[in-house]
C-alpha atoms as a PDB file:
ATOM      1  CA  MET A   1       0.000   0.000   0.000  1.00  0.00           C
ATOM      2  CA  GLY A   2       1.343   3.422  -0.847  1.00  0.00           C
ATOM      3  CA  VAL A   3       0.362   7.032  -0.680  1.00  0.00           C
ATOM      4  CA  ALA A   4      -1.321   8.403  -3.791  1.00  0.00           C
ATOM      5  CA  PRO A   5       1.281  10.077  -6.035  1.00  0.00           C
ATOM      6  CA  CYS A   6      -0.829  13.200  -6.462  1.00  0.00           C
ATOM      7  CA  SER A   7      -0.731  13.853  -2.714  1.00  0.00           C
ATOM      8  CA  THR A   8       3.031  14.287  -2.510  1.00  0.00           C
ATOM      9  CA  ARG A   9       5.485  16.491  -4.339  1.00  0.00           C
ATOM     10  CA  CYS A  10       8.960  15.292  -5.290  1.00  0.00           C
ATOM     11  CA  TYR A  11      11.672  17.910  -5.476  1.00  0.00           C
ATOM     12  CA  GLY A  12      15.304  18.211  -6.437  1.00  0.00           C
ATOM     13  CA  ASP A  13      16.935  15.444  -8.474  1.00  0.00           C
ATOM     14  CA  GLY A  14      14.234  12.848  -7.880  1.00  0.00           C
ATOM     15  CA  VAL A  15      16.247  11.038  -5.214  1.00  0.00           C
ATOM     16  CA  SER A  16      14.822  13.055  -2.310  1.00  0.00           C
ATOM     17  CA  THR A  17      11.873  11.900  -0.294  1.00  0.00           C
ATOM     18  CA  PRO A  18       8.372  13.052  -1.212  1.00  0.00           C
ATOM     19  CA  GLU A  19       7.013  15.998   0.741  1.00  0.00           C
ATOM     20  CA  ILE A  20       3.819  15.761   2.732  1.00  0.00           C
ATOM     21  CA  THR A  21       2.130  18.614   4.563  1.00  0.00           C
ATOM     22  CA  GLN A  22       1.447  18.599   8.278  1.00  0.00           C
ATOM     23  CA  ARG A  23      -2.274  18.791   7.516  1.00  0.00           C
ATOM     24  CA  ASP A  24      -2.053  15.788   5.176  1.00  0.00           C
ATOM     25  CA  LEU A  25      -0.160  13.867   7.854  1.00  0.00           C
ATOM     26  CA  ARG A  26      -2.845  14.647  10.405  1.00  0.00           C
ATOM     27  CA  SER A  27      -5.777  13.734   8.173  1.00  0.00           C
ATOM     28  CA  ARG A  28      -4.230  10.647   6.533  1.00  0.00           C
ATOM     29  CA  SER A  29      -1.973   9.384   9.314  1.00  0.00           C
ATOM     30  CA  ARG A  30      -2.952   5.722   9.004  1.00  0.00           C
ATOM     31  CA  GLU A  31      -2.291   5.587   5.262  1.00  0.00           C
ATOM     32  CA  ILE A  32       0.993   7.455   5.648  1.00  0.00           C
ATOM     33  CA  MET A  33       2.176   5.320   8.581  1.00  0.00           C
ATOM     34  CA  ASP A  34       1.360   2.183   6.552  1.00  0.00           C
ATOM     35  CA  ALA A  35       3.557   3.581   3.754  1.00  0.00           C
ATOM     36  CA  VAL A  36       6.381   4.308   6.242  1.00  0.00           C
ATOM     37  CA  GLU A  37       6.053   0.796   7.662  1.00  0.00           C
ATOM     38  CA  SER A  38       6.476  -0.615   4.160  1.00  0.00           C
ATOM     39  CA  GLY A  39       9.692   1.393   3.631  1.00  0.00           C
ATOM     40  CA  GLN A  40       8.593   4.795   2.273  1.00  0.00           C
ATOM     41  CA  SER A  41      10.126   7.984   3.719  1.00  0.00           C
ATOM     42  CA  PHE A  42       8.560  11.453   3.755  1.00  0.00           C
ATOM     43  CA  THR A  43       9.642  15.021   4.428  1.00  0.00           C
ATOM     44  CA  VAL A  44       7.001  16.836   6.482  1.00  0.00           C
ATOM     45  CA  THR A  45       6.349  20.495   5.676  1.00  0.00           C
ATOM     46  CA  ARG A  46       4.484  23.312   7.390  1.00  0.00           C
ATOM     47  CA  ASP A  47       3.728  26.535   5.538  1.00  0.00           C
ATOM     48  CA  GLY A  48       6.023  25.363   2.730  1.00  0.00           C
ATOM     49  CA  ARG A  49       9.038  24.838   5.029  1.00  0.00           C
ATOM     50  CA  GLU A  50      10.585  21.459   5.813  1.00  0.00           C
ATOM     51  CA  ILE A  51      10.145  20.680   9.507  1.00  0.00           C
ATOM     52  CA  GLY A  52      10.914  16.983   9.834  1.00  0.00           C
ATOM     53  CA  GLN A  53      11.239  13.557   8.299  1.00  0.00           C
ATOM     54  CA  LEU A  54       9.303  10.344   8.657  1.00  0.00           C
ATOM     55  CA  VAL A  55      11.604   7.396   8.029  1.00  0.00           C
ATOM     56  CA  PRO A  56      11.160   3.690   8.670  1.00  0.00           C
ATOM     57  CA  ILE A  57      13.075   2.192  11.576  1.00  0.00           C
ATOM     58  CA  ARG A  58      15.773  -0.162  10.409  1.00  0.00           C
ATOM     59  CA  ARG A  59      15.303  -3.540  11.983  1.00  0.00           C
ATOM     60  CA  ARG A  60      18.451  -5.095  13.392  1.00  0.00           C
ATOM     61  CA  ARG A  61      19.156  -8.723  12.880  1.00  0.00           C
ATOM     62  CA  ARG A  62      19.713 -10.572  16.118  1.00  0.00           C
ATOM     63  CA  PHE A  63      21.855 -13.419  14.809  1.00  0.00           C
ATOM     64  CA  ILE A  64      24.783 -13.577  12.430  1.00  0.00           C
ATOM     65  CA  SER A  65      26.190 -16.963  11.615  1.00  0.00           C
ATOM     66  CA  ARG A  66      29.848 -17.704  12.297  1.00  0.00           C
ATOM     67  CA  GLU A  67      30.490 -18.049   8.567  1.00  0.00           C
ATOM     68  CA  GLU A  68      28.894 -14.672   7.813  1.00  0.00           C
ATOM     69  CA  PHE A  69      30.881 -12.996  10.615  1.00  0.00           C
ATOM     70  CA  ALA A  70      34.110 -14.545   9.314  1.00  0.00           C
ATOM     71  CA  ALA A  71      33.348 -13.347   5.770  1.00  0.00           C
ATOM     72  CA  MET A  72      32.667  -9.796   6.983  1.00  0.00           C
ATOM     73  CA  SER A  73      35.805  -9.822   9.135  1.00  0.00           C
ATOM     74  CA  ARG A  74      38.042 -10.746   6.202  1.00  0.00           C
ATOM     75  CA  ASN A  75      37.276  -7.376   4.586  1.00  0.00           C
ATOM     76  CA  ALA A  76      37.650  -5.334   7.787  1.00  0.00           C
ATOM     77  CA  PRO A  77      40.557  -2.898   7.976  1.00  0.00           C
ATOM     78  CA  HIS A  78      43.574  -3.872  10.050  1.00  0.00           C
ATOM     79  CA  SER A  79      43.516  -2.499  13.595  1.00  0.00           C
ATOM     80  CA  ASP A  80      46.597  -1.171  15.330  1.00  0.00           C
ATOM     81  CA  LEU A  81      46.142  -2.604  18.835  1.00  0.00           C
ATOM     82  CA  ASP A  82      48.692  -0.263  20.417  1.00  0.00           C
ATOM     83  CA  ALA A  83      46.887   2.792  19.009  1.00  0.00           C
ATOM     84  CA  PHE A  84      43.544   1.356  20.147  1.00  0.00           C
ATOM     85  CA  ARG A  85      44.820   0.848  23.708  1.00  0.00           C
ATOM     86  CA  ALA A  86      46.294   4.358  23.740  1.00  0.00           C
ATOM     87  CA  ASP A  87      42.907   5.778  22.668  1.00  0.00           C
ATOM     88  CA  GLN A  88      41.161   3.832  25.428  1.00  0.00           C
ATOM     89  CA  ASN A  89      43.646   5.020  28.049  1.00  0.00           C
ATOM     90  CA  ALA A  90      43.280   8.628  26.922  1.00  0.00           C
ATOM     91  CA  ALA A  91      39.483   8.376  27.140  1.00  0.00           C
ATOM     92  CA  VAL A  92      39.648   6.889  30.639  1.00  0.00           C
ATOM     93  CA  ASP A  93      42.144   9.524  31.774  1.00  0.00           C
ATOM     94  CA  GLN A  94      39.906  12.301  30.432  1.00  0.00           C
ATOM     95  CA  TRP A  95      36.844  10.765  32.136  1.00  0.00           C
ATOM     96  CA  GLN A  96      38.689  10.513  35.449  1.00  0.00           C
ATOM     97  CA  ASP A  97      39.930  14.133  35.186  1.00  0.00           C
ATOM     98  CA  GLU A  98      36.334  15.329  34.647  1.00  0.00           C
ATOM     99  CA  ARG A  99      35.131  13.473  37.764  1.00  0.00           C
ATOM    100  CA  ILE A 100      37.726  15.014  40.066  1.00  0.00           C
END
């Protein structure tokens, strides 16, 4: 289910989200929320000015198989463990200084 094309206005290069007025959102909230739930995004306007965005929440997967994790890890950049530890120590030192 989608929102009728005549009720929204695309702008820019065609990649941007359709605009929907605050009044349209109020009067057609169920239809618009159904469209958001199915993946559609909208820019909400009031008096011709953009005031917000409605975007679907990205669902996180809860499980990644060992094989998938290993495949993703093969392409990960190399980490310098000494630099990582130095960053952690600096963050802890800064946190402790702020607490004193």
